[in-house]
Amino acid sequence: MQATRSDLKLIMDNLSRLNETERDEIMKVLQNLKESEIEAKKAKITNLAGLGKEMWHSIDVDKYLKDLRAEWDDREIR
């Protein structure tokens, strides 16, 4: 359920009626919610499994690696 603009205004108006301890509690709850959302959005390396596999479908991996390693021999060291 999404809060409306009037819901938010009511909440903000009522914050001033709370004492410092109550406001601190609300701040902690909001911070925990924010941290949870950030954590949920973080990319995990395991989410990349199988990504791009269609690119390699028609490529001979052994030949690709052999060609890549041959390039190393031709490169100048700087």
PDB file of N, CA and C in Angstrom:
ATOM      1  N   MET A   1       0.851  -1.173   0.000  1.00  0.00           N
ATOM      2  CA  MET A   1       0.000   0.000   0.000  1.00  0.00           C
ATOM      3  C   MET A   1       0.898   1.238   0.000  1.00  0.00           C
ATOM      4  N   GLN A   2       0.666   2.112  -0.926  1.00  0.00           N
ATOM      5  CA  GLN A   2       1.473   3.328  -1.045  1.00  0.00           C
ATOM      6  C   GLN A   2       0.799   4.483  -0.306  1.00  0.00           C
ATOM      7  N   ALA A   3       1.622   5.207   0.437  1.00  0.00           N
ATOM      8  CA  ALA A   3       1.104   6.356   1.184  1.00  0.00           C
ATOM      9  C   ALA A   3       0.796   7.498   0.218  1.00  0.00           C
ATOM     10  N   THR A   4      -0.256   8.210   0.524  1.00  0.00           N
ATOM     11  CA  THR A   4      -0.605   9.381  -0.282  1.00  0.00           C
ATOM     12  C   THR A   4       0.129  10.597   0.277  1.00  0.00           C
ATOM     13  N   ARG A   5       0.071  11.665  -0.460  1.00  0.00           N
ATOM     14  CA  ARG A   5       0.707  12.910  -0.016  1.00  0.00           C
ATOM     15  C   ARG A   5       0.101  13.370   1.312  1.00  0.00           C
ATOM     16  N   SER A   6      -1.213  13.216   1.464  1.00  0.00           N
ATOM     17  CA  SER A   6      -1.860  13.635   2.717  1.00  0.00           C
ATOM     18  C   SER A   6      -1.442  12.730   3.878  1.00  0.00           C
ATOM     19  N   ASP A   7      -1.199  11.434   3.586  1.00  0.00           N
ATOM     20  CA  ASP A   7      -0.710  10.526   4.638  1.00  0.00           C
ATOM     21  C   ASP A   7       0.656  10.994   5.129  1.00  0.00           C
ATOM     22  N   LEU A   8       1.507  11.337   4.191  1.00  0.00           N
ATOM     23  CA  LEU A   8       2.852  11.783   4.553  1.00  0.00           C
ATOM     24  C   LEU A   8       2.813  13.084   5.342  1.00  0.00           C
ATOM     25  N   LYS A   9       1.947  13.995   4.939  1.00  0.00           N
ATOM     26  CA  LYS A   9       1.819  15.268   5.655  1.00  0.00           C
ATOM     27  C   LYS A   9       1.346  15.030   7.084  1.00  0.00           C
ATOM     28  N   LEU A  10       0.398  14.140   7.257  1.00  0.00           N
ATOM     29  CA  LEU A  10      -0.113  13.812   8.589  1.00  0.00           C
ATOM     30  C   LEU A  10       0.993  13.222   9.464  1.00  0.00           C
ATOM     31  N   ILE A  11       1.775  12.329   8.896  1.00  0.00           N
ATOM     32  CA  ILE A  11       2.890  11.730   9.644  1.00  0.00           C
ATOM     33  C   ILE A  11       3.888  12.800  10.051  1.00  0.00           C
ATOM     34  N   MET A  12       4.271  13.643   9.117  1.00  0.00           N
ATOM     35  CA  MET A  12       5.259  14.692   9.417  1.00  0.00           C
ATOM     36  C   MET A  12       4.729  15.681  10.456  1.00  0.00           C
ATOM     37  N   ASP A  13       3.446  16.005  10.377  1.00  0.00           N
ATOM     38  CA  ASP A  13       2.856  16.917  11.360  1.00  0.00           C
ATOM     39  C   ASP A  13       2.872  16.305  12.760  1.00  0.00           C
ATOM     40  N   ASN A  14       2.683  15.005  12.832  1.00  0.00           N
ATOM     41  CA  ASN A  14       2.630  14.330  14.130  1.00  0.00           C
ATOM     42  C   ASN A  14       4.002  14.043  14.717  1.00  0.00           C
ATOM     43  N   LEU A  15       5.034  14.090  13.893  1.00  0.00           N
ATOM     44  CA  LEU A  15       6.386  13.856  14.407  1.00  0.00           C
ATOM     45  C   LEU A  15       6.769  14.870  15.479  1.00  0.00           C
ATOM     46  N   SER A  16       6.318  16.082  15.323  1.00  0.00           N
ATOM     47  CA  SER A  16       6.673  17.116  16.298  1.00  0.00           C
ATOM     48  C   SER A  16       6.049  16.863  17.671  1.00  0.00           C
ATOM     49  N   ARG A  17       5.033  16.040  17.728  1.00  0.00           N
ATOM     50  CA  ARG A  17       4.380  15.721  19.009  1.00  0.00           C
ATOM     51  C   ARG A  17       5.103  14.630  19.790  1.00  0.00           C
ATOM     52  N   LEU A  18       6.027  13.960  19.137  1.00  0.00           N
ATOM     53  CA  LEU A  18       6.740  12.855  19.783  1.00  0.00           C
ATOM     54  C   LEU A  18       7.907  13.386  20.606  1.00  0.00           C
ATOM     55  N   ASN A  19       8.258  12.628  21.639  1.00  0.00           N
ATOM     56  CA  ASN A  19       9.429  13.023  22.410  1.00  0.00           C
ATOM     57  C   ASN A  19      10.694  12.506  21.716  1.00  0.00           C
ATOM     58  N   GLU A  20      11.839  12.888  22.217  1.00  0.00           N
ATOM     59  CA  GLU A  20      13.107  12.560  21.565  1.00  0.00           C
ATOM     60  C   GLU A  20      13.320  11.049  21.434  1.00  0.00           C
ATOM     61  N   THR A  21      12.977  10.291  22.456  1.00  0.00           N
ATOM     62  CA  THR A  21      13.138   8.836  22.426  1.00  0.00           C
ATOM     63  C   THR A  21      12.269   8.210  21.345  1.00  0.00           C
ATOM     64  N   GLU A  22      11.043   8.676  21.239  1.00  0.00           N
ATOM     65  CA  GLU A  22      10.132   8.153  20.213  1.00  0.00           C
ATOM     66  C   GLU A  22      10.633   8.483  18.801  1.00  0.00           C
ATOM     67  N   ARG A  23      11.146   9.693  18.644  1.00  0.00           N
ATOM     68  CA  ARG A  23      11.699  10.082  17.335  1.00  0.00           C
ATOM     69  C   ARG A  23      12.935   9.259  17.003  1.00  0.00           C
ATOM     70  N   ASP A  24      13.764   8.984  18.014  1.00  0.00           N
ATOM     71  CA  ASP A  24      14.948   8.143  17.796  1.00  0.00           C
ATOM     72  C   ASP A  24      14.541   6.736  17.359  1.00  0.00           C
ATOM     73  N   GLU A  25      13.486   6.216  17.972  1.00  0.00           N
ATOM     74  CA  GLU A  25      12.997   4.888  17.585  1.00  0.00           C
ATOM     75  C   GLU A  25      12.537   4.875  16.132  1.00  0.00           C
ATOM     76  N   ILE A  26      11.826   5.909  15.748  1.00  0.00           N
ATOM     77  CA  ILE A  26      11.355   6.012  14.358  1.00  0.00           C
ATOM     78  C   ILE A  26      12.546   6.120  13.413  1.00  0.00           C
ATOM     79  N   MET A  27      13.545   6.892  13.790  1.00  0.00           N
ATOM     80  CA  MET A  27      14.744   7.031  12.953  1.00  0.00           C
ATOM     81  C   MET A  27      15.433   5.683  12.766  1.00  0.00           C
ATOM     82  N   LYS A  28      15.512   4.891  13.833  1.00  0.00           N
ATOM     83  CA  LYS A  28      16.148   3.574  13.729  1.00  0.00           C
ATOM     84  C   LYS A  28      15.360   2.659  12.799  1.00  0.00           C
ATOM     85  N   VAL A  29      14.048   2.684  12.907  1.00  0.00           N
ATOM     86  CA  VAL A  29      13.203   1.860  12.036  1.00  0.00           C
ATOM     87  C   VAL A  29      13.379   2.284  10.582  1.00  0.00           C
ATOM     88  N   LEU A  30      13.376   3.582  10.323  1.00  0.00           N
ATOM     89  CA  LEU A  30      13.550   4.086   8.962  1.00  0.00           C
ATOM     90  C   LEU A  30      14.932   3.729   8.413  1.00  0.00           C
ATOM     91  N   GLN A  31      15.952   3.842   9.246  1.00  0.00           N
ATOM     92  CA  GLN A  31      17.311   3.503   8.817  1.00  0.00           C
ATOM     93  C   GLN A  31      17.407   2.022   8.476  1.00  0.00           C
ATOM     94  N   ASN A  32      16.802   1.167   9.299  1.00  0.00           N
ATOM     95  CA  ASN A  32      16.806  -0.276   9.027  1.00  0.00           C
ATOM     96  C   ASN A  32      16.084  -0.604   7.725  1.00  0.00           C
ATOM     97  N   LEU A  33      14.967   0.076   7.479  1.00  0.00           N
ATOM     98  CA  LEU A  33      14.232  -0.124   6.230  1.00  0.00           C
ATOM     99  C   LEU A  33      15.098   0.273   5.034  1.00  0.00           C
ATOM    100  N   LYS A  34      15.757   1.402   5.146  1.00  0.00           N
ATOM    101  CA  LYS A  34      16.605   1.897   4.067  1.00  0.00           C
ATOM    102  C   LYS A  34      17.761   0.938   3.804  1.00  0.00           C
ATOM    103  N   GLU A  35      18.410   0.486   4.864  1.00  0.00           N
ATOM    104  CA  GLU A  35      19.532  -0.444   4.714  1.00  0.00           C
ATOM    105  C   GLU A  35      19.081  -1.755   4.085  1.00  0.00           C
ATOM    106  N   SER A  36      17.898  -2.227   4.465  1.00  0.00           N
ATOM    107  CA  SER A  36      17.358  -3.455   3.886  1.00  0.00           C
ATOM    108  C   SER A  36      17.101  -3.291   2.394  1.00  0.00           C
ATOM    109  N   GLU A  37      16.566  -2.144   2.009  1.00  0.00           N
ATOM    110  CA  GLU A  37      16.310  -1.870   0.589  1.00  0.00           C
ATOM    111  C   GLU A  37      17.612  -1.805  -0.196  1.00  0.00           C
ATOM    112  N   ILE A  38      18.614  -1.160   0.374  1.00  0.00           N
ATOM    113  CA  ILE A  38      19.915  -1.048  -0.293  1.00  0.00           C
ATOM    114  C   ILE A  38      20.531  -2.432  -0.459  1.00  0.00           C
ATOM    115  N   GLU A  39      20.472  -3.233   0.582  1.00  0.00           N
ATOM    116  CA  GLU A  39      21.042  -4.583   0.544  1.00  0.00           C
ATOM    117  C   GLU A  39      20.340  -5.437  -0.507  1.00  0.00           C
ATOM    118  N   ALA A  40      19.036  -5.294  -0.604  1.00  0.00           N
ATOM    119  CA  ALA A  40      18.262  -6.073  -1.574  1.00  0.00           C
ATOM    120  C   ALA A  40      18.611  -5.684  -3.006  1.00  0.00           C
ATOM    121  N   LYS A  41      19.039  -4.437  -3.214  1.00  0.00           N
ATOM    122  CA  LYS A  41      19.370  -3.958  -4.562  1.00  0.00           C
ATOM    123  C   LYS A  41      20.785  -4.306  -4.987  1.00  0.00           C
ATOM    124  N   LYS A  42      21.637  -4.662  -4.044  1.00  0.00           N
ATOM    125  CA  LYS A  42      23.029  -4.944  -4.372  1.00  0.00           C
ATOM    126  C   LYS A  42      23.111  -6.158  -5.296  1.00  0.00           C
ATOM    127  N   ALA A  43      23.946  -6.030  -6.298  1.00  0.00           N
ATOM    128  CA  ALA A  43      24.153  -7.139  -7.228  1.00  0.00           C
ATOM    129  C   ALA A  43      25.036  -8.186  -6.558  1.00  0.00           C
ATOM    130  N   LYS A  44      24.674  -9.416  -6.743  1.00  0.00           N
ATOM    131  CA  LYS A  44      25.467 -10.516  -6.222  1.00  0.00           C
ATOM    132  C   LYS A  44      26.109 -11.223  -7.404  1.00  0.00           C
ATOM    133  N   ILE A  45      27.344 -11.650  -7.251  1.00  0.00           N
ATOM    134  CA  ILE A  45      28.072 -12.288  -8.341  1.00  0.00           C
ATOM    135  C   ILE A  45      27.337 -13.534  -8.829  1.00  0.00           C
ATOM    136  N   THR A  46      26.633 -14.204  -7.939  1.00  0.00           N
ATOM    137  CA  THR A  46      25.906 -15.405  -8.343  1.00  0.00           C
ATOM    138  C   THR A  46      24.750 -15.096  -9.285  1.00  0.00           C
ATOM    139  N   ASN A  47      24.281 -13.848  -9.293  1.00  0.00           N
ATOM    140  CA  ASN A  47      23.212 -13.465 -10.215  1.00  0.00           C
ATOM    141  C   ASN A  47      23.698 -13.423 -11.662  1.00  0.00           C
ATOM    142  N   LEU A  48      25.019 -13.436 -11.853  1.00  0.00           N
ATOM    143  CA  LEU A  48      25.582 -13.365 -13.193  1.00  0.00           C
ATOM    144  C   LEU A  48      25.750 -14.746 -13.842  1.00  0.00           C
ATOM    145  N   ALA A  49      25.495 -15.804 -13.093  1.00  0.00           N
ATOM    146  CA  ALA A  49      25.662 -17.159 -13.628  1.00  0.00           C
ATOM    147  C   ALA A  49      24.830 -17.336 -14.894  1.00  0.00           C
ATOM    148  N   GLY A  50      25.496 -17.786 -15.955  1.00  0.00           N
ATOM    149  CA  GLY A  50      24.808 -18.063 -17.214  1.00  0.00           C
ATOM    150  C   GLY A  50      24.579 -16.848 -18.087  1.00  0.00           C
ATOM    151  N   LEU A  51      24.915 -15.676 -17.586  1.00  0.00           N
ATOM    152  CA  LEU A  51      24.691 -14.452 -18.347  1.00  0.00           C
ATOM    153  C   LEU A  51      25.620 -14.416 -19.565  1.00  0.00           C
ATOM    154  N   GLY A  52      25.078 -14.217 -20.730  1.00  0.00           N
ATOM    155  CA  GLY A  52      25.862 -14.140 -21.949  1.00  0.00           C
ATOM    156  C   GLY A  52      26.244 -15.481 -22.545  1.00  0.00           C
ATOM    157  N   LYS A  53      25.685 -16.562 -22.015  1.00  0.00           N
ATOM    158  CA  LYS A  53      26.091 -17.884 -22.507  1.00  0.00           C
ATOM    159  C   LYS A  53      25.775 -18.068 -23.992  1.00  0.00           C
ATOM    160  N   GLU A  54      24.784 -17.346 -24.485  1.00  0.00           N
ATOM    161  CA  GLU A  54      24.437 -17.475 -25.902  1.00  0.00           C
ATOM    162  C   GLU A  54      25.558 -16.941 -26.796  1.00  0.00           C
ATOM    163  N   MET A  55      26.399 -16.058 -26.266  1.00  0.00           N
ATOM    164  CA  MET A  55      27.526 -15.526 -27.038  1.00  0.00           C
ATOM    165  C   MET A  55      28.545 -16.618 -27.358  1.00  0.00           C
ATOM    166  N   TRP A  56      28.690 -17.571 -26.466  1.00  0.00           N
ATOM    167  CA  TRP A  56      29.704 -18.607 -26.603  1.00  0.00           C
ATOM    168  C   TRP A  56      29.173 -19.855 -27.311  1.00  0.00           C
ATOM    169  N   HIS A  57      27.908 -19.865 -27.642  1.00  0.00           N
ATOM    170  CA  HIS A  57      27.263 -21.060 -28.207  1.00  0.00           C
ATOM    171  C   HIS A  57      27.973 -21.568 -29.463  1.00  0.00           C
ATOM    172  N   SER A  58      28.354 -20.669 -30.357  1.00  0.00           N
ATOM    173  CA  SER A  58      28.944 -21.085 -31.637  1.00  0.00           C
ATOM    174  C   SER A  58      30.465 -20.942 -31.659  1.00  0.00           C
ATOM    175  N   ILE A  59      31.092 -20.715 -30.513  1.00  0.00           N
ATOM    176  CA  ILE A  59      32.537 -20.500 -30.456  1.00  0.00           C
ATOM    177  C   ILE A  59      33.225 -21.731 -29.891  1.00  0.00           C
ATOM    178  N   ASP A  60      34.284 -22.137 -30.567  1.00  0.00           N
ATOM    179  CA  ASP A  60      35.122 -23.234 -30.083  1.00  0.00           C
ATOM    180  C   ASP A  60      36.029 -22.648 -28.997  1.00  0.00           C
ATOM    181  N   VAL A  61      35.766 -22.983 -27.777  1.00  0.00           N
ATOM    182  CA  VAL A  61      36.470 -22.373 -26.645  1.00  0.00           C
ATOM    183  C   VAL A  61      37.953 -22.697 -26.688  1.00  0.00           C
ATOM    184  N   ASP A  62      38.308 -23.928 -27.009  1.00  0.00           N
ATOM    185  CA  ASP A  62      39.725 -24.294 -27.059  1.00  0.00           C
ATOM    186  C   ASP A  62      40.473 -23.458 -28.102  1.00  0.00           C
ATOM    187  N   LYS A  63      39.876 -23.264 -29.283  1.00  0.00           N
ATOM    188  CA  LYS A  63      40.494 -22.453 -30.328  1.00  0.00           C
ATOM    189  C   LYS A  63      40.576 -20.994 -29.884  1.00  0.00           C
ATOM    190  N   TYR A  64      39.524 -20.490 -29.244  1.00  0.00           N
ATOM    191  CA  TYR A  64      39.515 -19.107 -28.760  1.00  0.00           C
ATOM    192  C   TYR A  64      40.673 -18.882 -27.783  1.00  0.00           C
ATOM    193  N   LEU A  65      40.838 -19.796 -26.827  1.00  0.00           N
ATOM    194  CA  LEU A  65      41.910 -19.656 -25.836  1.00  0.00           C
ATOM    195  C   LEU A  65      43.284 -19.765 -26.488  1.00  0.00           C
ATOM    196  N   LYS A  66      43.425 -20.687 -27.438  1.00  0.00           N
ATOM    197  CA  LYS A  66      44.700 -20.849 -28.147  1.00  0.00           C
ATOM    198  C   LYS A  66      45.062 -19.556 -28.884  1.00  0.00           C
ATOM    199  N   ASP A  67      44.081 -18.971 -29.590  1.00  0.00           N
ATOM    200  CA  ASP A  67      44.317 -17.717 -30.314  1.00  0.00           C
ATOM    201  C   ASP A  67      44.646 -16.570 -29.357  1.00  0.00           C
ATOM    202  N   LEU A  68      43.943 -16.524 -28.232  1.00  0.00           N
ATOM    203  CA  LEU A  68      44.181 -15.467 -27.258  1.00  0.00           C
ATOM    204  C   LEU A  68      45.579 -15.568 -26.673  1.00  0.00           C
ATOM    205  N   ARG A  69      45.988 -16.785 -26.347  1.00  0.00           N
ATOM    206  CA  ARG A  69      47.334 -16.982 -25.791  1.00  0.00           C
ATOM    207  C   ARG A  69      48.408 -16.665 -26.824  1.00  0.00           C
ATOM    208  N   ALA A  70      48.124 -16.929 -28.098  1.00  0.00           N
ATOM    209  CA  ALA A  70      49.087 -16.602 -29.159  1.00  0.00           C
ATOM    210  C   ALA A  70      49.274 -15.084 -29.246  1.00  0.00           C
ATOM    211  N   GLU A  71      48.227 -14.334 -29.001  1.00  0.00           N
ATOM    212  CA  GLU A  71      48.337 -12.870 -29.004  1.00  0.00           C
ATOM    213  C   GLU A  71      49.296 -12.390 -27.920  1.00  0.00           C
ATOM    214  N   TRP A  72      49.328 -13.080 -26.800  1.00  0.00           N
ATOM    215  CA  TRP A  72      50.197 -12.668 -25.707  1.00  0.00           C
ATOM    216  C   TRP A  72      51.657 -12.695 -26.129  1.00  0.00           C
ATOM    217  N   ASP A  73      52.001 -13.699 -26.927  1.00  0.00           N
ATOM    218  CA  ASP A  73      53.389 -13.828 -27.369  1.00  0.00           C
ATOM    219  C   ASP A  73      53.785 -12.680 -28.292  1.00  0.00           C
ATOM    220  N   ASP A  74      52.829 -12.125 -29.034  1.00  0.00           N
ATOM    221  CA  ASP A  74      53.098 -11.064 -30.007  1.00  0.00           C
ATOM    222  C   ASP A  74      53.121  -9.674 -29.375  1.00  0.00           C
ATOM    223  N   ARG A  75      52.675  -9.537 -28.159  1.00  0.00           N
ATOM    224  CA  ARG A  75      52.577  -8.215 -27.514  1.00  0.00           C
ATOM    225  C   ARG A  75      53.930  -7.766 -26.987  1.00  0.00           C
ATOM    226  N   GLU A  76      54.144  -6.469 -27.044  1.00  0.00           N
ATOM    227  CA  GLU A  76      55.358  -5.882 -26.473  1.00  0.00           C
ATOM    228  C   GLU A  76      55.114  -5.585 -24.999  1.00  0.00           C
ATOM    229  N   ILE A  77      56.120  -5.794 -24.203  1.00  0.00           N
ATOM    230  CA  ILE A  77      56.019  -5.451 -22.775  1.00  0.00           C
ATOM    231  C   ILE A  77      56.441  -4.000 -22.641  1.00  0.00           C
ATOM    232  N   ARG A  78      55.606  -3.227 -22.007  1.00  0.00           N
ATOM    233  CA  ARG A  78      55.890  -1.787 -21.844  1.00  0.00           C
ATOM    234  C   ARG A  78      56.387  -1.484 -20.477  1.00  0.00           C
TER     235      ARG A  78
END
